[in-house]
Amino acid sequence: MPTIDPRIDAYIAASPEFAQPILTHLREVIHAACPDVEETIKWSAPFFQYKGMLCHMAAFKAHCALGFWKGALLFPELEKESMGHFGRITSVKDLPSKKVIASYVKLAMKLNDDGVQTPARVAPKTARPLTVPTYLLDALAANKPALATFNAGSTSFKREYVDWLEEAKTDATRLRRMEQAVEWLAEGKARNWKYEKC
């Protein structure tokens, strides 16, 4: 009998409509490949465990992701490991076949069976400098609470906001994000505050 976590049922039900069949499909494939898998929620997303962390899935506004905890060992060709190892999944058709996904699940299980540890991530020797764009500095100057929060934040705290703004593809998107950033900062919130543990 599979170990089902009702919180994952709730997560799938609350996900965007396009994501629900993707998440349901992934869950079924993972359970079929690893009957002893245990479900849980970590960092506000569904995780699957078998003698340790195995894999995780998530739904976002316009795509889903599937990632393996020891993805660096399963996908050594990927230079930078993102949340998912299969790119932006917008439908079940974007996924490899059930057989392929199951083979990765079984490889991940074997790594856990054998007690293989994930290689330690080596931090880069020199961190890239943080350059805060003038338009953000100007917007923060007009909102003292937001400016105080930004100035009190660590470099990584600031970088999350700067990168989010700089990655915008259009000026309209950048402006919308900047308004949201100032609002969140005025409330004392980090860029990814929604995903922080309570």
N, C-alpha and C. Protein backbone atom coordinates (compact mmCIF):
# COMPACT_ATOMS: atom_id res chain seq x y z
N MET A 1 0.85 -1.20 0.00
CA MET A 1 0.00 0.00 0.00
C MET A 1 0.89 1.25 0.00
N PRO A 2 0.67 2.17 -0.94
CA PRO A 2 1.52 3.37 -0.99
C PRO A 2 1.29 4.29 0.20
N THR A 3 2.34 5.00 0.58
CA THR A 3 2.22 5.98 1.66
C THR A 3 1.84 7.32 1.03
N ILE A 4 0.59 7.70 1.24
CA ILE A 4 0.04 8.91 0.63
C ILE A 4 -0.05 10.01 1.69
N ASP A 5 0.37 11.20 1.32
CA ASP A 5 0.27 12.35 2.22
C ASP A 5 -0.88 13.22 1.72
N PRO A 6 -1.93 13.41 2.52
CA PRO A 6 -3.08 14.21 2.06
C PRO A 6 -2.70 15.65 1.72
N ARG A 7 -1.58 16.13 2.25
CA ARG A 7 -1.14 17.49 1.91
C ARG A 7 -0.77 17.59 0.44
N ILE A 8 -0.32 16.48 -0.15
CA ILE A 8 0.02 16.50 -1.58
C ILE A 8 -1.26 16.50 -2.41
N ASP A 9 -2.29 15.80 -1.94
CA ASP A 9 -3.60 15.90 -2.60
C ASP A 9 -4.06 17.35 -2.62
N ALA A 10 -3.90 18.02 -1.48
CA ALA A 10 -4.32 19.43 -1.37
C ALA A 10 -3.46 20.32 -2.26
N TYR A 11 -2.14 20.03 -2.33
CA TYR A 11 -1.23 20.81 -3.16
C TYR A 11 -1.65 20.70 -4.63
N ILE A 12 -1.93 19.49 -5.08
CA ILE A 12 -2.33 19.28 -6.47
C ILE A 12 -3.66 19.99 -6.75
N ALA A 13 -4.61 19.85 -5.84
CA ALA A 13 -5.92 20.48 -6.02
C ALA A 13 -5.83 22.00 -6.08
N ALA A 14 -4.86 22.57 -5.36
CA ALA A 14 -4.70 24.03 -5.33
C ALA A 14 -3.82 24.55 -6.46
N SER A 15 -3.22 23.66 -7.23
CA SER A 15 -2.33 24.07 -8.32
C SER A 15 -3.15 24.54 -9.52
N PRO A 16 -2.52 25.31 -10.42
CA PRO A 16 -3.24 25.74 -11.63
C PRO A 16 -3.79 24.53 -12.39
N GLU A 17 -4.88 24.75 -13.10
CA GLU A 17 -5.57 23.64 -13.78
C GLU A 17 -4.65 22.85 -14.71
N PHE A 18 -3.78 23.55 -15.47
CA PHE A 18 -2.89 22.85 -16.40
C PHE A 18 -1.93 21.93 -15.65
N ALA A 19 -1.59 22.29 -14.40
CA ALA A 19 -0.56 21.56 -13.64
C ALA A 19 -1.10 20.28 -13.01
N GLN A 20 -2.38 20.23 -12.74
CA GLN A 20 -2.95 19.09 -12.00
C GLN A 20 -2.70 17.74 -12.68
N PRO A 21 -2.95 17.61 -14.00
CA PRO A 21 -2.67 16.30 -14.62
C PRO A 21 -1.18 15.96 -14.65
N ILE A 22 -0.33 16.98 -14.74
CA ILE A 22 1.12 16.75 -14.75
C ILE A 22 1.56 16.19 -13.40
N LEU A 23 1.14 16.86 -12.33
CA LEU A 23 1.53 16.44 -10.98
C LEU A 23 0.96 15.06 -10.65
N THR A 24 -0.28 14.82 -11.05
CA THR A 24 -0.91 13.52 -10.81
C THR A 24 -0.15 12.42 -11.54
N HIS A 25 0.23 12.69 -12.79
CA HIS A 25 0.98 11.73 -13.60
C HIS A 25 2.33 11.42 -12.95
N LEU A 26 3.05 12.47 -12.56
CA LEU A 26 4.36 12.27 -11.94
C LEU A 26 4.25 11.45 -10.66
N ARG A 27 3.27 11.78 -9.86
CA ARG A 27 3.07 11.06 -8.60
C ARG A 27 2.83 9.58 -8.86
N GLU A 28 1.98 9.27 -9.84
CA GLU A 28 1.68 7.88 -10.17
C GLU A 28 2.92 7.13 -10.66
N VAL A 29 3.71 7.79 -11.52
CA VAL A 29 4.91 7.14 -12.06
C VAL A 29 5.92 6.88 -10.93
N ILE A 30 6.09 7.84 -10.04
CA ILE A 30 7.05 7.68 -8.94
C ILE A 30 6.61 6.53 -8.03
N HIS A 31 5.32 6.46 -7.72
CA HIS A 31 4.82 5.37 -6.86
C HIS A 31 4.95 4.01 -7.55
N ALA A 32 4.71 3.98 -8.86
CA ALA A 32 4.83 2.71 -9.58
C ALA A 32 6.28 2.23 -9.61
N ALA A 33 7.21 3.17 -9.77
CA ALA A 33 8.63 2.80 -9.84
C ALA A 33 9.20 2.46 -8.47
N CYS A 34 8.66 3.08 -7.43
CA CYS A 34 9.17 2.88 -6.07
C CYS A 34 7.99 2.68 -5.12
N PRO A 35 7.50 1.44 -5.01
CA PRO A 35 6.32 1.18 -4.17
C PRO A 35 6.52 1.56 -2.70
N ASP A 36 7.77 1.62 -2.24
CA ASP A 36 8.04 1.96 -0.83
C ASP A 36 8.25 3.45 -0.61
N VAL A 37 7.99 4.25 -1.63
CA VAL A 37 8.22 5.69 -1.51
C VAL A 37 7.28 6.29 -0.45
N GLU A 38 7.79 7.30 0.24
CA GLU A 38 6.99 8.02 1.23
C GLU A 38 6.85 9.47 0.76
N GLU A 39 5.66 10.01 0.91
CA GLU A 39 5.42 11.39 0.50
C GLU A 39 5.53 12.33 1.70
N THR A 40 5.93 13.56 1.41
CA THR A 40 5.96 14.59 2.43
C THR A 40 5.94 15.96 1.74
N ILE A 41 5.81 17.00 2.52
CA ILE A 41 5.91 18.37 2.01
C ILE A 41 7.13 19.01 2.66
N LYS A 42 8.01 19.55 1.85
CA LYS A 42 9.18 20.28 2.33
C LYS A 42 9.31 21.53 1.49
N TRP A 43 9.64 22.64 2.13
CA TRP A 43 9.79 23.91 1.42
C TRP A 43 8.54 24.20 0.58
N SER A 44 7.39 23.85 1.11
CA SER A 44 6.08 24.11 0.50
C SER A 44 5.86 23.36 -0.81
N ALA A 45 6.59 22.27 -1.04
CA ALA A 45 6.43 21.50 -2.28
C ALA A 45 6.41 20.00 -1.95
N PRO A 46 5.81 19.19 -2.84
CA PRO A 46 5.78 17.74 -2.63
C PRO A 46 7.16 17.10 -2.83
N PHE A 47 7.56 16.31 -1.85
CA PHE A 47 8.82 15.55 -1.92
C PHE A 47 8.51 14.07 -1.76
N PHE A 48 9.37 13.26 -2.35
CA PHE A 48 9.23 11.81 -2.27
C PHE A 48 10.52 11.26 -1.67
N GLN A 49 10.37 10.41 -0.65
CA GLN A 49 11.52 9.89 0.07
C GLN A 49 11.59 8.37 -0.02
N TYR A 50 12.81 7.88 -0.11
CA TYR A 50 13.07 6.45 -0.05
C TYR A 50 14.49 6.32 0.51
N LYS A 51 14.59 5.95 1.77
CA LYS A 51 15.90 5.88 2.44
C LYS A 51 16.64 7.21 2.32
N GLY A 52 15.90 8.27 2.43
CA GLY A 52 16.42 9.62 2.24
C GLY A 52 15.65 10.31 1.13
N MET A 53 16.07 11.50 0.80
CA MET A 53 15.40 12.25 -0.26
C MET A 53 15.57 11.57 -1.60
N LEU A 54 14.49 11.55 -2.38
CA LEU A 54 14.54 10.92 -3.70
C LEU A 54 14.31 11.97 -4.79
N CYS A 55 13.13 12.57 -4.81
CA CYS A 55 12.83 13.57 -5.83
C CYS A 55 11.72 14.49 -5.33
N HIS A 56 11.44 15.51 -6.11
CA HIS A 56 10.42 16.48 -5.74
C HIS A 56 9.78 17.04 -6.99
N MET A 57 8.58 17.57 -6.83
CA MET A 57 7.88 18.20 -7.95
C MET A 57 7.27 19.49 -7.45
N ALA A 58 6.97 20.38 -8.38
CA ALA A 58 6.38 21.66 -8.00
C ALA A 58 5.58 22.23 -9.16
N ALA A 59 4.59 23.03 -8.81
CA ALA A 59 3.79 23.73 -9.80
C ALA A 59 4.02 25.22 -9.63
N PHE A 60 4.18 25.91 -10.74
CA PHE A 60 4.34 27.36 -10.73
C PHE A 60 3.21 27.96 -11.56
N LYS A 61 3.25 29.24 -11.77
CA LYS A 61 2.16 29.91 -12.47
C LYS A 61 1.97 29.38 -13.88
N ALA A 62 3.07 29.11 -14.60
CA ALA A 62 2.94 28.71 -16.00
C ALA A 62 3.67 27.41 -16.35
N HIS A 63 4.27 26.73 -15.36
CA HIS A 63 4.95 25.48 -15.65
C HIS A 63 5.09 24.65 -14.38
N CYS A 64 5.48 23.40 -14.57
CA CYS A 64 5.79 22.50 -13.46
C CYS A 64 7.25 22.10 -13.56
N ALA A 65 7.75 21.48 -12.49
CA ALA A 65 9.14 21.01 -12.48
C ALA A 65 9.22 19.69 -11.74
N LEU A 66 10.15 18.85 -12.17
CA LEU A 66 10.48 17.60 -11.50
C LEU A 66 11.98 17.59 -11.29
N GLY A 67 12.41 17.39 -10.07
CA GLY A 67 13.84 17.39 -9.78
C GLY A 67 14.21 16.21 -8.91
N PHE A 68 15.44 15.76 -9.04
CA PHE A 68 15.96 14.66 -8.23
C PHE A 68 16.97 15.20 -7.23
N TRP A 69 16.87 14.73 -5.99
CA TRP A 69 17.71 15.22 -4.91
C TRP A 69 19.19 15.04 -5.24
N LYS A 70 19.52 13.91 -5.86
CA LYS A 70 20.90 13.65 -6.24
C LYS A 70 21.08 13.82 -7.75
N GLY A 71 20.44 14.88 -8.25
CA GLY A 71 20.46 15.16 -9.69
C GLY A 71 21.85 15.37 -10.24
N ALA A 72 22.78 15.88 -9.42
CA ALA A 72 24.15 16.09 -9.90
C ALA A 72 24.80 14.76 -10.30
N LEU A 73 24.36 13.67 -9.67
CA LEU A 73 24.90 12.35 -10.00
C LEU A 73 24.14 11.71 -11.15
N LEU A 74 22.85 11.99 -11.23
CA LEU A 74 22.03 11.41 -12.30
C LEU A 74 22.17 12.16 -13.62
N PHE A 75 22.42 13.46 -13.52
CA PHE A 75 22.49 14.31 -14.71
C PHE A 75 23.80 15.11 -14.70
N PRO A 76 24.95 14.43 -14.77
CA PRO A 76 26.22 15.16 -14.67
C PRO A 76 26.45 16.14 -15.81
N GLU A 77 25.72 15.95 -16.91
CA GLU A 77 25.92 16.83 -18.06
C GLU A 77 25.32 18.22 -17.84
N LEU A 78 24.42 18.33 -16.87
CA LEU A 78 23.83 19.63 -16.59
C LEU A 78 24.80 20.46 -15.78
N GLU A 79 25.19 21.58 -16.35
CA GLU A 79 26.18 22.44 -15.70
C GLU A 79 25.63 23.05 -14.43
N LYS A 80 24.41 23.55 -14.52
CA LYS A 80 23.80 24.21 -13.37
C LYS A 80 22.50 23.50 -13.07
N GLU A 81 22.37 23.03 -11.85
CA GLU A 81 21.17 22.33 -11.47
C GLU A 81 20.10 23.32 -11.04
N SER A 82 18.99 23.30 -11.75
CA SER A 82 17.88 24.17 -11.38
C SER A 82 16.88 23.34 -10.58
N MET A 83 15.75 23.91 -10.30
CA MET A 83 14.77 23.16 -9.51
C MET A 83 14.36 21.87 -10.22
N GLY A 84 14.26 21.91 -11.53
CA GLY A 84 13.84 20.73 -12.28
C GLY A 84 14.90 20.26 -13.25
N HIS A 85 14.89 18.96 -13.52
CA HIS A 85 15.87 18.40 -14.44
C HIS A 85 15.29 18.14 -15.83
N PHE A 86 14.03 18.51 -16.04
CA PHE A 86 13.39 18.25 -17.32
C PHE A 86 12.86 19.54 -17.94
N GLY A 87 13.41 20.67 -17.54
CA GLY A 87 13.00 21.94 -18.09
C GLY A 87 11.62 22.35 -17.60
N ARG A 88 11.05 23.31 -18.29
CA ARG A 88 9.73 23.83 -17.92
C ARG A 88 8.66 22.89 -18.49
N ILE A 89 7.92 22.25 -17.62
CA ILE A 89 6.92 21.27 -18.02
C ILE A 89 5.55 21.96 -18.04
N THR A 90 4.96 22.06 -19.23
CA THR A 90 3.66 22.73 -19.34
C THR A 90 2.52 21.76 -19.65
N SER A 91 2.87 20.52 -20.00
CA SER A 91 1.87 19.48 -20.20
C SER A 91 2.55 18.13 -20.03
N VAL A 92 1.75 17.08 -19.90
CA VAL A 92 2.31 15.73 -19.75
C VAL A 92 3.16 15.38 -20.97
N LYS A 93 2.83 15.95 -22.13
CA LYS A 93 3.58 15.67 -23.36
C LYS A 93 5.03 16.17 -23.29
N ASP A 94 5.29 17.15 -22.40
CA ASP A 94 6.66 17.66 -22.26
C ASP A 94 7.57 16.70 -21.50
N LEU A 95 6.98 15.71 -20.87
CA LEU A 95 7.76 14.76 -20.06
C LEU A 95 8.29 13.61 -20.89
N PRO A 96 9.40 13.03 -20.44
CA PRO A 96 9.83 11.77 -21.06
C PRO A 96 8.78 10.70 -20.78
N SER A 97 8.93 9.55 -21.38
CA SER A 97 7.97 8.46 -21.18
C SER A 97 7.99 8.00 -19.73
N LYS A 98 6.93 7.28 -19.34
CA LYS A 98 6.87 6.71 -17.98
C LYS A 98 8.10 5.85 -17.71
N LYS A 99 8.50 5.09 -18.73
CA LYS A 99 9.64 4.18 -18.59
C LYS A 99 10.92 4.95 -18.27
N VAL A 100 11.12 6.08 -18.95
CA VAL A 100 12.34 6.89 -18.72
C VAL A 100 12.32 7.49 -17.33
N ILE A 101 11.19 8.07 -16.95
CA ILE A 101 11.10 8.67 -15.60
C ILE A 101 11.32 7.59 -14.55
N ALA A 102 10.68 6.43 -14.74
CA ALA A 102 10.83 5.32 -13.79
C ALA A 102 12.29 4.88 -13.69
N SER A 103 13.01 4.91 -14.81
CA SER A 103 14.43 4.50 -14.77
C SER A 103 15.24 5.46 -13.91
N TYR A 104 14.92 6.76 -13.98
CA TYR A 104 15.63 7.74 -13.13
C TYR A 104 15.27 7.52 -11.66
N VAL A 105 13.99 7.22 -11.39
CA VAL A 105 13.57 6.95 -10.01
C VAL A 105 14.34 5.76 -9.47
N LYS A 106 14.46 4.70 -10.29
CA LYS A 106 15.17 3.49 -9.84
C LYS A 106 16.67 3.76 -9.64
N LEU A 107 17.26 4.59 -10.50
CA LEU A 107 18.67 4.96 -10.31
C LEU A 107 18.84 5.76 -9.01
N ALA A 108 17.90 6.67 -8.76
CA ALA A 108 17.96 7.45 -7.52
C ALA A 108 17.79 6.54 -6.31
N MET A 109 16.92 5.54 -6.41
CA MET A 109 16.74 4.58 -5.33
C MET A 109 18.04 3.82 -5.06
N LYS A 110 18.70 3.41 -6.13
CA LYS A 110 19.95 2.65 -5.98
C LYS A 110 21.01 3.50 -5.28
N LEU A 111 21.08 4.78 -5.65
CA LEU A 111 22.04 5.67 -4.98
C LEU A 111 21.76 5.71 -3.48
N ASN A 112 20.48 5.79 -3.11
CA ASN A 112 20.12 5.81 -1.69
C ASN A 112 20.38 4.46 -1.03
N ASP A 113 20.07 3.37 -1.75
CA ASP A 113 20.36 2.03 -1.22
C ASP A 113 21.84 1.86 -0.91
N ASP A 114 22.67 2.39 -1.81
CA ASP A 114 24.13 2.25 -1.68
C ASP A 114 24.74 3.31 -0.76
N GLY A 115 23.92 4.21 -0.25
CA GLY A 115 24.42 5.24 0.67
C GLY A 115 25.30 6.29 0.01
N VAL A 116 25.14 6.46 -1.30
CA VAL A 116 25.95 7.44 -2.03
C VAL A 116 25.50 8.85 -1.64
N GLN A 117 26.47 9.69 -1.31
CA GLN A 117 26.18 11.07 -0.92
C GLN A 117 26.29 12.00 -2.14
N THR A 118 25.54 13.06 -2.11
CA THR A 118 25.63 14.08 -3.16
C THR A 118 26.96 14.79 -3.00
N PRO A 119 27.67 15.02 -4.11
CA PRO A 119 28.94 15.76 -3.98
C PRO A 119 28.69 17.15 -3.40
N ALA A 120 29.61 17.57 -2.55
CA ALA A 120 29.48 18.90 -1.94
C ALA A 120 29.59 19.95 -3.02
N ARG A 121 28.76 20.95 -2.90
CA ARG A 121 28.83 22.05 -3.87
C ARG A 121 29.93 23.00 -3.43
N VAL A 122 30.77 23.33 -4.36
CA VAL A 122 31.87 24.23 -4.08
C VAL A 122 31.45 25.64 -4.46
N ALA A 123 31.55 26.52 -3.50
CA ALA A 123 31.18 27.92 -3.78
C ALA A 123 32.23 28.54 -4.70
N PRO A 124 31.81 29.41 -5.59
CA PRO A 124 32.79 30.07 -6.45
C PRO A 124 33.77 30.88 -5.61
N LYS A 125 35.00 30.94 -6.09
CA LYS A 125 36.05 31.63 -5.33
C LYS A 125 35.75 33.12 -5.21
N THR A 126 35.23 33.70 -6.26
CA THR A 126 34.90 35.12 -6.20
C THR A 126 33.44 35.30 -6.57
N ALA A 127 32.70 35.88 -5.66
CA ALA A 127 31.29 36.14 -5.93
C ALA A 127 31.18 37.31 -6.89
N ARG A 128 30.20 37.24 -7.78
CA ARG A 128 30.04 38.34 -8.73
C ARG A 128 29.58 39.58 -7.96
N PRO A 129 30.08 40.73 -8.35
CA PRO A 129 29.71 41.95 -7.62
C PRO A 129 28.22 42.26 -7.79
N LEU A 130 27.65 42.84 -6.76
CA LEU A 130 26.24 43.23 -6.81
C LEU A 130 26.15 44.68 -7.26
N THR A 131 25.47 44.89 -8.39
CA THR A 131 25.25 46.25 -8.88
C THR A 131 23.76 46.52 -8.83
N VAL A 132 23.36 47.43 -7.97
CA VAL A 132 21.95 47.76 -7.82
C VAL A 132 21.61 48.82 -8.88
N PRO A 133 20.64 48.51 -9.76
CA PRO A 133 20.30 49.47 -10.82
C PRO A 133 19.74 50.78 -10.26
N THR A 134 20.03 51.85 -10.96
CA THR A 134 19.60 53.19 -10.53
C THR A 134 18.09 53.27 -10.36
N TYR A 135 17.33 52.65 -11.27
CA TYR A 135 15.88 52.74 -11.18
C TYR A 135 15.37 52.13 -9.87
N LEU A 136 16.03 51.08 -9.36
CA LEU A 136 15.62 50.50 -8.09
C LEU A 136 16.01 51.43 -6.93
N LEU A 137 17.21 51.97 -6.98
CA LEU A 137 17.65 52.91 -5.93
C LEU A 137 16.70 54.10 -5.84
N ASP A 138 16.27 54.63 -7.00
CA ASP A 138 15.35 55.77 -7.03
C ASP A 138 14.00 55.40 -6.41
N ALA A 139 13.50 54.20 -6.76
CA ALA A 139 12.21 53.76 -6.22
C ALA A 139 12.30 53.55 -4.71
N LEU A 140 13.42 52.99 -4.24
CA LEU A 140 13.59 52.76 -2.81
C LEU A 140 13.74 54.07 -2.04
N ALA A 141 14.38 55.06 -2.66
CA ALA A 141 14.59 56.35 -2.01
C ALA A 141 13.25 57.02 -1.69
N ALA A 142 12.23 56.69 -2.47
CA ALA A 142 10.90 57.28 -2.26
C ALA A 142 10.09 56.52 -1.22
N ASN A 143 10.64 55.44 -0.68
CA ASN A 143 9.92 54.64 0.31
C ASN A 143 10.90 54.23 1.41
N LYS A 144 10.90 54.98 2.51
CA LYS A 144 11.90 54.78 3.56
C LYS A 144 11.87 53.38 4.19
N PRO A 145 10.68 52.81 4.49
CA PRO A 145 10.68 51.45 5.06
C PRO A 145 11.30 50.42 4.10
N ALA A 146 10.98 50.55 2.81
CA ALA A 146 11.53 49.62 1.80
C ALA A 146 13.05 49.78 1.72
N LEU A 147 13.51 51.03 1.71
CA LEU A 147 14.95 51.30 1.64
C LEU A 147 15.66 50.73 2.87
N ALA A 148 15.06 50.88 4.04
CA ALA A 148 15.67 50.37 5.28
C ALA A 148 15.79 48.85 5.24
N THR A 149 14.74 48.18 4.76
CA THR A 149 14.78 46.72 4.67
C THR A 149 15.85 46.28 3.68
N PHE A 150 15.89 46.95 2.52
CA PHE A 150 16.87 46.59 1.49
C PHE A 150 18.29 46.78 2.02
N ASN A 151 18.55 47.92 2.65
CA ASN A 151 19.89 48.21 3.15
C ASN A 151 20.31 47.26 4.26
N ALA A 152 19.34 46.77 5.05
CA ALA A 152 19.65 45.87 6.16
C ALA A 152 19.86 44.42 5.68
N GLY A 153 19.44 44.14 4.45
CA GLY A 153 19.53 42.77 3.93
C GLY A 153 20.95 42.37 3.56
N SER A 154 21.18 41.06 3.53
CA SER A 154 22.49 40.53 3.12
C SER A 154 22.65 40.73 1.61
N THR A 155 23.84 40.45 1.12
CA THR A 155 24.09 40.56 -0.32
C THR A 155 23.17 39.63 -1.10
N SER A 156 22.99 38.40 -0.61
CA SER A 156 22.13 37.45 -1.33
C SER A 156 20.67 37.91 -1.29
N PHE A 157 20.24 38.51 -0.18
CA PHE A 157 18.89 39.06 -0.06
C PHE A 157 18.67 40.12 -1.15
N LYS A 158 19.64 41.03 -1.28
CA LYS A 158 19.54 42.10 -2.27
C LYS A 158 19.62 41.53 -3.69
N ARG A 159 20.51 40.55 -3.89
CA ARG A 159 20.71 39.98 -5.22
C ARG A 159 19.43 39.32 -5.75
N GLU A 160 18.67 38.69 -4.86
CA GLU A 160 17.43 38.05 -5.31
C GLU A 160 16.48 39.08 -5.94
N TYR A 161 16.38 40.23 -5.32
CA TYR A 161 15.52 41.29 -5.88
C TYR A 161 16.12 41.85 -7.17
N VAL A 162 17.41 42.14 -7.17
CA VAL A 162 18.05 42.74 -8.35
C VAL A 162 17.96 41.79 -9.53
N ASP A 163 18.27 40.51 -9.32
CA ASP A 163 18.22 39.53 -10.42
C ASP A 163 16.80 39.41 -10.97
N TRP A 164 15.81 39.41 -10.07
CA TRP A 164 14.41 39.29 -10.50
C TRP A 164 14.03 40.46 -11.40
N LEU A 165 14.46 41.65 -11.04
CA LEU A 165 14.16 42.83 -11.85
C LEU A 165 14.92 42.81 -13.17
N GLU A 166 16.19 42.46 -13.12
CA GLU A 166 17.03 42.48 -14.32
C GLU A 166 16.66 41.39 -15.32
N GLU A 167 16.01 40.32 -14.84
CA GLU A 167 15.62 39.22 -15.74
C GLU A 167 14.33 39.52 -16.50
N ALA A 168 13.66 40.61 -16.16
CA ALA A 168 12.41 40.98 -16.84
C ALA A 168 12.70 41.22 -18.32
N LYS A 169 11.83 40.69 -19.17
CA LYS A 169 12.06 40.78 -20.61
C LYS A 169 11.54 42.10 -21.21
N THR A 170 10.59 42.74 -20.52
CA THR A 170 10.04 43.99 -21.04
C THR A 170 10.08 45.06 -19.94
N ASP A 171 10.02 46.32 -20.36
CA ASP A 171 10.00 47.42 -19.40
C ASP A 171 8.74 47.35 -18.53
N ALA A 172 7.61 46.95 -19.14
CA ALA A 172 6.36 46.86 -18.38
C ALA A 172 6.47 45.82 -17.27
N THR A 173 7.07 44.68 -17.59
CA THR A 173 7.27 43.63 -16.58
C THR A 173 8.20 44.12 -15.49
N ARG A 174 9.27 44.80 -15.89
CA ARG A 174 10.24 45.31 -14.92
C ARG A 174 9.57 46.31 -13.98
N LEU A 175 8.75 47.20 -14.53
CA LEU A 175 8.05 48.20 -13.72
C LEU A 175 7.10 47.52 -12.73
N ARG A 176 6.36 46.53 -13.22
CA ARG A 176 5.42 45.80 -12.36
C ARG A 176 6.18 45.11 -11.23
N ARG A 177 7.30 44.47 -11.58
CA ARG A 177 8.11 43.78 -10.57
C ARG A 177 8.70 44.77 -9.57
N MET A 178 9.11 45.94 -10.06
CA MET A 178 9.71 46.93 -9.16
C MET A 178 8.68 47.42 -8.16
N GLU A 179 7.46 47.67 -8.62
CA GLU A 179 6.40 48.10 -7.71
C GLU A 179 6.14 47.03 -6.65
N GLN A 180 6.13 45.76 -7.08
CA GLN A 180 5.92 44.65 -6.15
C GLN A 180 7.08 44.54 -5.18
N ALA A 181 8.30 44.71 -5.68
CA ALA A 181 9.50 44.63 -4.83
C ALA A 181 9.46 45.69 -3.74
N VAL A 182 9.12 46.92 -4.11
CA VAL A 182 9.07 48.02 -3.12
C VAL A 182 8.00 47.72 -2.07
N GLU A 183 6.86 47.19 -2.52
CA GLU A 183 5.78 46.86 -1.59
C GLU A 183 6.24 45.79 -0.60
N TRP A 184 6.86 44.70 -1.11
CA TRP A 184 7.33 43.62 -0.24
C TRP A 184 8.42 44.11 0.71
N LEU A 185 9.35 44.90 0.19
CA LEU A 185 10.42 45.41 1.03
C LEU A 185 9.87 46.32 2.13
N ALA A 186 8.87 47.12 1.81
CA ALA A 186 8.26 48.00 2.82
C ALA A 186 7.61 47.17 3.93
N GLU A 187 7.20 45.94 3.59
CA GLU A 187 6.60 45.03 4.57
C GLU A 187 7.67 44.17 5.25
N GLY A 188 8.96 44.39 4.89
CA GLY A 188 10.05 43.64 5.51
C GLY A 188 10.24 42.25 4.95
N LYS A 189 9.76 42.02 3.72
CA LYS A 189 9.77 40.68 3.15
C LYS A 189 10.94 40.45 2.19
N ALA A 190 11.45 39.21 2.21
CA ALA A 190 12.46 38.79 1.23
C ALA A 190 11.76 38.54 -0.09
N ARG A 191 12.51 38.48 -1.16
CA ARG A 191 11.95 38.26 -2.50
C ARG A 191 11.11 36.98 -2.55
N ASN A 192 11.61 35.90 -1.95
CA ASN A 192 10.90 34.61 -1.99
C ASN A 192 10.23 34.32 -0.65
N TRP A 193 9.64 35.34 -0.04
CA TRP A 193 9.04 35.20 1.29
C TRP A 193 7.95 34.13 1.34
N LYS A 194 7.27 33.89 0.22
CA LYS A 194 6.18 32.91 0.21
C LYS A 194 6.68 31.50 0.50
N TYR A 195 7.97 31.25 0.21
CA TYR A 195 8.51 29.90 0.34
C TYR A 195 9.32 29.70 1.61
N GLU A 196 9.37 30.74 2.44
CA GLU A 196 10.11 30.61 3.70
C GLU A 196 9.28 29.82 4.70
N LYS A 197 9.98 29.09 5.57
CA LYS A 197 9.28 28.35 6.62
C LYS A 197 8.69 29.32 7.62
N CYS A 198 7.49 29.01 8.07
CA CYS A 198 6.84 29.88 9.05
C CYS A 198 7.47 29.67 10.42
